[in-house]
Protein backbone atom coordinates (compact mmCIF):
# COMPACT_ATOMS: atom_id res chain seq x y z
CA MET A 1 68.09 121.82 119.83
CA PRO A 2 69.27 120.07 123.04
CA ILE A 3 70.89 122.04 125.83
CA PRO A 4 74.63 122.43 125.07
CA ALA A 5 76.84 119.97 126.96
CA ASN A 6 78.86 122.84 128.47
CA VAL A 7 75.79 124.50 130.02
CA HIS A 8 74.67 123.58 133.53
CA CYS A 9 71.57 125.19 135.02
CA GLY A 10 70.17 124.73 138.52
CA PRO A 11 69.27 126.35 141.84
CA ALA A 12 71.44 127.51 144.71
CA GLY A 13 71.06 125.08 147.58
CA TRP A 14 68.53 122.38 148.30
CA SER A 15 68.27 122.07 152.11
CA TYR A 16 65.21 124.26 152.54
CA SER A 17 62.36 123.14 154.77
CA HIS A 18 59.99 125.39 152.78
CA TRP A 19 60.64 123.21 149.70
CA ASN A 20 58.98 120.21 151.36
CA GLY A 21 55.56 119.79 149.80
CA LEU A 22 56.64 121.76 146.72
CA VAL A 23 59.85 120.22 145.38
CA PHE A 24 60.26 117.29 147.77
CA PRO A 25 57.60 115.15 149.48
CA LYS A 26 56.16 116.65 152.65
CA ALA A 27 56.50 113.22 154.26
CA GLN A 28 59.77 111.83 152.96
CA PRO A 29 60.06 108.04 152.72
CA HIS A 30 62.88 106.10 154.30
CA GLY A 31 66.09 106.41 152.28
CA PHE A 32 64.93 109.52 150.44
CA HIS A 33 67.69 112.00 149.57
CA PRO A 34 66.84 115.38 148.00
CA LEU A 35 69.90 115.35 145.73
CA GLN A 36 68.70 112.21 143.98
CA ARG A 37 65.43 113.96 143.16
CA LEU A 38 67.09 117.24 142.20
CA ALA A 39 69.50 115.53 139.79
CA GLU A 40 66.49 114.25 137.81
CA TYR A 41 65.60 117.83 136.87
CA PHE A 42 68.94 119.64 136.69
CA ASP A 43 72.60 119.12 135.82
CA THR A 44 74.00 121.29 138.60
CA VAL A 45 73.31 122.73 142.03
CA GLU A 46 75.30 125.28 143.98
CA ILE A 47 76.37 124.17 147.45
CA ASN A 48 75.62 127.12 149.72
CA THR A 49 76.22 125.54 153.15
CA SER A 50 79.96 125.68 152.43
CA PHE A 51 79.72 129.47 152.80
CA TYR A 52 78.90 129.03 156.50
CA ARG A 53 80.90 125.97 157.51
CA PRO A 54 83.48 123.62 155.95
CA LEU A 55 82.15 120.53 154.24
CA LYS A 56 82.90 117.08 155.62
CA PRO A 57 84.57 114.67 153.16
CA GLU A 58 82.27 111.80 154.11
CA ILE A 59 79.26 113.98 153.28
CA THR A 60 80.53 115.20 149.91
CA ARG A 61 81.48 111.61 149.03
CA LEU A 62 77.83 110.67 149.69
CA TRP A 63 76.60 113.63 147.60
CA ALA A 64 78.67 112.48 144.63
CA LEU A 65 77.09 109.05 144.94
CA LYS A 66 73.54 110.43 145.16
CA VAL A 67 73.83 112.25 141.81
CA SER A 68 75.73 109.49 140.00
CA HIS A 69 72.61 108.47 138.03
CA ASN A 70 73.04 111.74 136.09
CA PRO A 71 76.46 111.61 134.37
CA ALA A 72 76.18 115.29 133.34
CA PHE A 73 75.65 116.51 136.90
CA VAL A 74 78.35 118.63 138.57
CA PHE A 75 78.32 120.75 141.70
CA THR A 76 79.52 124.26 142.26
CA ALA A 77 80.37 125.38 145.79
CA LYS A 78 80.66 128.70 147.59
CA LEU A 79 83.93 129.48 149.33
CA ASN A 80 83.56 129.90 153.09
CA ARG A 81 82.94 133.43 154.35
CA ARG A 82 86.00 133.16 156.60
CA PHE A 83 88.05 133.80 153.45
CA THR A 84 85.89 136.26 151.51
CA HIS A 85 84.39 138.30 154.36
CA ASP A 86 86.79 137.84 157.29
CA ARG A 87 89.81 137.90 154.96
CA SER A 88 91.48 134.87 156.51
CA LEU A 89 94.47 133.31 154.77
CA ASP A 90 95.16 130.90 157.61
CA LEU A 91 96.85 127.80 156.17
CA ALA A 92 95.10 125.39 158.54
CA GLU A 93 91.68 126.81 157.67
CA ILE A 94 92.47 126.63 153.96
CA ALA A 95 93.58 123.00 154.24
CA ALA A 96 90.50 122.09 156.30
CA PHE A 97 88.16 123.64 153.74
CA LYS A 98 89.86 121.83 150.86
CA GLU A 99 89.38 118.48 152.60
CA GLY A 100 85.65 118.66 152.03
CA LEU A 101 86.09 119.47 148.34
CA TRP A 102 88.52 116.72 147.39
CA PRO A 103 85.92 113.89 147.07
CA LEU A 104 83.88 115.96 144.59
CA HIS A 105 86.95 117.18 142.74
CA ARG A 106 88.46 113.70 142.38
CA ALA A 107 85.12 112.27 141.24
CA GLY A 108 84.92 114.91 138.50
CA LYS A 109 81.81 116.35 140.16
CA LEU A 110 83.11 119.81 141.14
CA GLY A 111 82.64 122.26 138.31
CA CYS A 112 83.66 125.46 140.05
CA LEU A 113 84.42 127.10 143.39
CA LEU A 114 82.73 130.49 143.78
CA MET A 115 84.28 133.31 145.81
CA GLN A 116 81.34 135.52 146.82
CA PHE A 117 82.48 138.92 148.07
CA PRO A 118 80.32 141.50 149.88
CA TRP A 119 79.24 144.80 148.33
CA TRP A 120 81.75 146.74 150.43
CA PHE A 121 84.67 144.78 148.87
CA ARG A 122 85.53 147.44 146.30
CA PHE A 123 88.33 147.48 143.77
CA THR A 124 91.33 148.94 145.55
CA ALA A 125 95.03 148.09 145.45
CA GLU A 126 94.74 146.37 148.84
CA ASN A 127 91.68 144.34 147.87
CA ARG A 128 93.22 143.42 144.53
CA GLU A 129 96.26 141.99 146.31
CA PHE A 130 94.08 140.00 148.72
CA PHE A 131 92.01 138.73 145.78
CA ILE A 132 95.19 137.43 144.12
CA GLN A 133 96.41 135.79 147.34
CA LEU A 134 93.07 134.03 147.78
CA ARG A 135 93.20 132.79 144.21
CA ARG A 136 96.66 131.35 144.83
CA ALA A 137 95.46 129.70 148.06
CA PHE A 138 92.84 127.70 146.10
CA HIS A 139 94.77 127.29 142.87
CA GLU A 140 93.82 123.61 142.54
CA PHE A 141 90.19 124.41 141.68
CA PRO A 142 88.42 126.25 138.86
CA LEU A 143 87.49 129.59 140.43
CA ALA A 144 84.91 132.27 139.80
CA ALA A 145 84.26 135.41 141.82
CA GLU A 146 81.05 137.32 142.47
CA MET A 147 81.58 141.04 142.96
CA ARG A 148 78.61 143.14 143.98
CA HIS A 149 80.22 146.57 143.66
CA GLU A 150 80.46 148.17 140.22
CA SER A 151 84.11 149.21 140.70
CA TRP A 152 85.10 145.68 139.64
CA MET A 153 83.97 146.54 136.11
CA MET A 154 87.00 148.78 135.63
CA ASP A 155 89.48 147.65 132.96
CA GLU A 156 92.21 147.02 135.52
CA ALA A 157 89.87 144.93 137.66
CA LEU A 158 88.73 142.83 134.70
CA GLY A 159 92.37 142.47 133.68
CA THR A 160 93.09 140.94 137.08
CA PHE A 161 90.35 138.36 136.51
CA ILE A 162 91.84 137.52 133.12
CA ASP A 163 95.47 137.45 134.27
CA TYR A 164 94.72 135.04 137.11
CA ARG A 165 92.14 132.93 135.22
CA ILE A 166 89.24 133.69 137.52
CA GLY A 167 85.74 133.50 136.09
CA PHE A 168 83.64 136.65 136.41
CA CYS A 169 80.27 135.89 138.01
CA ASN A 170 77.62 137.87 136.17
CA ILE A 171 74.78 138.69 138.54
CA ASP A 172 71.23 139.96 138.60
CA GLN A 173 70.50 141.76 141.84
CA PRO A 174 68.17 144.41 143.29
CA ASN A 175 69.06 148.05 142.75
CA TRP A 176 71.53 149.47 145.25
CA ILE A 177 74.05 152.29 145.40
CA ARG A 178 76.84 151.48 142.92
CA ALA A 179 75.57 147.92 142.61
CA MET A 180 76.96 145.64 139.92
CA PRO A 181 74.60 145.81 136.92
CA PRO A 182 73.76 142.84 134.66
CA THR A 183 76.83 141.90 132.60
CA ALA A 184 78.01 139.23 130.16
CA PHE A 185 81.72 139.01 130.96
CA LEU A 186 83.84 135.92 130.33
CA THR A 187 87.31 136.18 131.87
CA SER A 188 88.31 132.50 132.11
CA PRO A 189 87.17 129.16 130.65
CA VAL A 190 84.39 129.17 133.29
CA GLY A 191 81.28 131.23 132.70
CA TYR A 192 79.11 131.91 135.75
CA ILE A 193 75.70 133.58 136.13
CA ARG A 194 73.76 134.06 139.39
CA LEU A 195 70.23 135.43 139.57
CA HIS A 196 69.33 136.76 143.03
CA GLY A 197 65.92 138.21 142.17
CA ARG A 198 64.94 141.87 142.02
CA ASN A 199 63.03 142.30 145.26
CA PRO A 200 63.90 145.87 146.35
CA GLY A 201 63.52 144.80 149.99
CA ASN A 202 66.39 142.33 149.64
CA SER A 203 69.34 144.50 148.69
CA LEU A 204 72.63 142.61 148.51
CA GLY A 205 74.48 145.78 149.47
CA GLU A 206 73.06 146.11 152.96
CA PHE A 207 75.12 145.38 156.03
CA ASP A 208 72.39 143.47 157.90
CA GLU A 209 73.04 140.12 156.23
CA ALA A 210 70.89 138.20 158.72
CA ALA A 211 67.86 140.31 157.82
CA SER A 212 68.59 139.83 154.14
CA ARG A 213 68.75 136.05 154.55
CA ARG A 214 65.42 136.02 156.40
CA ARG A 215 63.77 137.55 153.35
CA GLN A 216 65.03 134.54 151.36
CA HIS A 217 65.30 136.24 147.98
CA ASP A 218 61.56 136.38 147.38
CA TYR A 219 61.14 137.11 143.67
CA LEU A 220 59.86 135.20 140.64
CA TYR A 221 61.39 136.23 137.32
CA THR A 222 59.09 136.63 134.35
CA LEU A 223 59.80 134.89 131.06
CA GLU A 224 60.64 138.29 129.57
CA GLU A 225 63.22 138.96 132.27
CA LEU A 226 64.74 135.52 131.77
CA ALA A 227 64.86 136.08 128.01
CA GLY A 228 67.18 139.03 128.62
CA TRP A 229 69.54 136.73 130.48
CA GLN A 230 69.23 134.03 127.83
CA LYS A 231 70.89 136.40 125.37
CA ARG A 232 73.79 137.03 127.77
CA ILE A 233 74.13 133.31 128.50
CA ASP A 234 74.24 132.50 124.79
CA ARG A 235 77.11 134.96 124.30
CA ILE A 236 79.06 133.53 127.24
CA ARG A 237 78.57 129.83 126.58
CA GLN A 238 79.82 130.12 122.98
CA TYR A 239 83.35 130.67 124.28
CA ALA A 240 83.31 129.04 127.73
CA SER A 241 84.41 125.50 128.46
CA ALA A 242 81.66 125.33 131.09
CA THR A 243 78.86 127.75 131.94
CA PHE A 244 76.95 127.62 135.21
CA ILE A 245 73.58 129.36 135.60
CA ILE A 246 72.42 129.49 139.21
CA THR A 247 69.10 130.83 140.52
CA ASN A 248 69.26 132.10 144.11
CA ASN A 249 65.65 133.19 144.73
CA ASP A 250 64.69 130.21 146.88
CA ALA A 251 61.55 131.55 148.64
CA GLY A 252 58.54 129.48 147.64
CA ALA A 253 60.88 127.35 145.49
CA LYS A 254 60.92 130.20 142.95
CA SER A 255 64.56 129.41 142.16
CA PHE A 256 63.49 125.90 141.14
CA VAL A 257 60.78 127.32 138.86
CA ASN A 258 63.09 129.85 137.21
CA ALA A 259 65.89 127.30 136.78
CA LEU A 260 63.47 124.93 135.03
CA GLN A 261 62.32 127.75 132.76
CA LEU A 262 65.86 128.86 131.91
CA ALA A 263 67.03 125.31 131.23
CA ALA A 264 64.09 124.79 128.85
CA MET A 265 64.83 128.10 127.10
CA LEU A 266 68.42 126.94 126.59
CA GLY A 267 67.34 123.64 125.03
CA ASP A 268 66.73 121.22 127.90
CA GLY A 269 64.11 118.79 126.60
CA ARG A 270 63.07 117.16 129.87
CA HIS A 271 60.19 119.61 130.50
CA ARG A 272 59.38 117.93 133.80
CA ALA A 273 58.61 119.54 137.14
CA PRO A 274 57.56 118.23 140.56
CA ALA A 275 53.78 117.75 140.59
CA ASP A 276 53.26 119.92 143.69
CA LEU A 277 55.30 122.72 142.12
CA LEU A 278 53.17 122.52 138.97
CA ARG A 279 50.06 122.99 141.08
CA ARG A 280 51.58 126.04 142.81
CA TYR A 281 52.85 127.68 139.59
CA PRO A 282 50.59 126.45 136.74
CA ASP A 283 51.11 129.53 134.57
CA ALA A 284 54.88 129.81 134.98
CA LEU A 285 55.29 126.07 134.33
CA ALA A 286 52.83 125.76 131.46
CA GLY A 287 54.22 123.17 129.05
CA PHE A 288 55.92 121.15 131.81
CA HIS A 289 54.54 117.83 133.02
CA GLY A 290 54.70 116.23 136.43
CA GLY A 291 55.14 112.57 135.55
CA ARG A 292 58.34 110.91 136.75
CA ARG A 293 59.88 108.58 134.21
CA ARG A 294 61.62 105.42 135.30
CA GLN A 295 65.15 106.23 136.38
CA GLU A 296 66.85 103.91 133.93
CA HIS A 297 65.26 105.90 131.07
CA LEU A 298 66.07 109.36 132.36
CA PHE A 299 69.05 109.72 130.08
CA ASP A 300 69.09 108.47 126.51
CA ALA A 301 72.10 106.54 125.34
CA ALA A 302 74.52 108.56 123.19
C-alpha cells in the first residue's frame, strides 16, 4: 500500500555540516543544493533556522524552486523564538517574519507553521491568553503547537487547541519532570508528530538550551520504538487533512535514517537511501538501496 497522500515524513533541518559525507557529498559539486537531494527521499522537511532568525523571501522563493521536482513536497517551519520564548507580539516583528513565509505559502509549499514552546510554558490563564493572541497574530497560516509540559494535556488546554484550530504536536522526548508523554491527539485538520530522541542527557526541559543544542539530539530509534509511533500516526492520519512526521535527532544523520524507516513503514515505496548513509547504518537500513534513479522517473505518472 503506498504512503497516504496526506502523510508527509521527513527530518528537521538540513543545514548540518556533519551530514556531509553521509547524506550529502563531502565535496559538493558546483550548483549542488541539499534541498534538491533531500526532496528525492522525502515529501517534507521542517525549517528550523526560522526559530533563530526571520527567513528572507528571496531565499524561501529559491527553496520552493529547488523542491519543485517533487510535487508532493511541502515545508513546515518553526515560529521564531522571539514570539514563543520572548513573548513578543510586536507588529513590526510579526510582519517581518511573515514576509519570509509568503513565497512558500503562495506556492502551496507551506504545510504548517509550528509554535514550539519551552517546558516552562505551562498551562495557566495568562499563558492561555498569550497562546490565543499568538494564534491570532499568525491567523493566515495553518498552525500547530508543541508543548513540552504535561499541563497542556488538561481538558481545558486541549479545548483551547480545538476552539482555535491549532494542531497539537505529539512529541517523543527524553524523560523529565512533568514532561509531555507520547500522545496521539488531533485538535485541528493538521496532525503533527515530532520525535526528539530519548537520550537522557538531552532533556528538553532543561534551561541550558545552548548545552542541549550542542548534544544534537543523539539517539537512534529502534524499529520497535518506531512501530509504537506508527500506531499513533495511523490513528491521527485517518482524520487529519495533513499529517507531518518530523524526526529531530540529527546527530550522525540519525534523523534521516529514522525518517526513511518511518516513511517505509507507512507505505513509502521508494526504499532508497544515500549510499554513504547505507554504509554507516547497514542494519538499520537493510532493505534500502543506494542507487539514484534518473530524476524524470522519480515520480510515476498518476
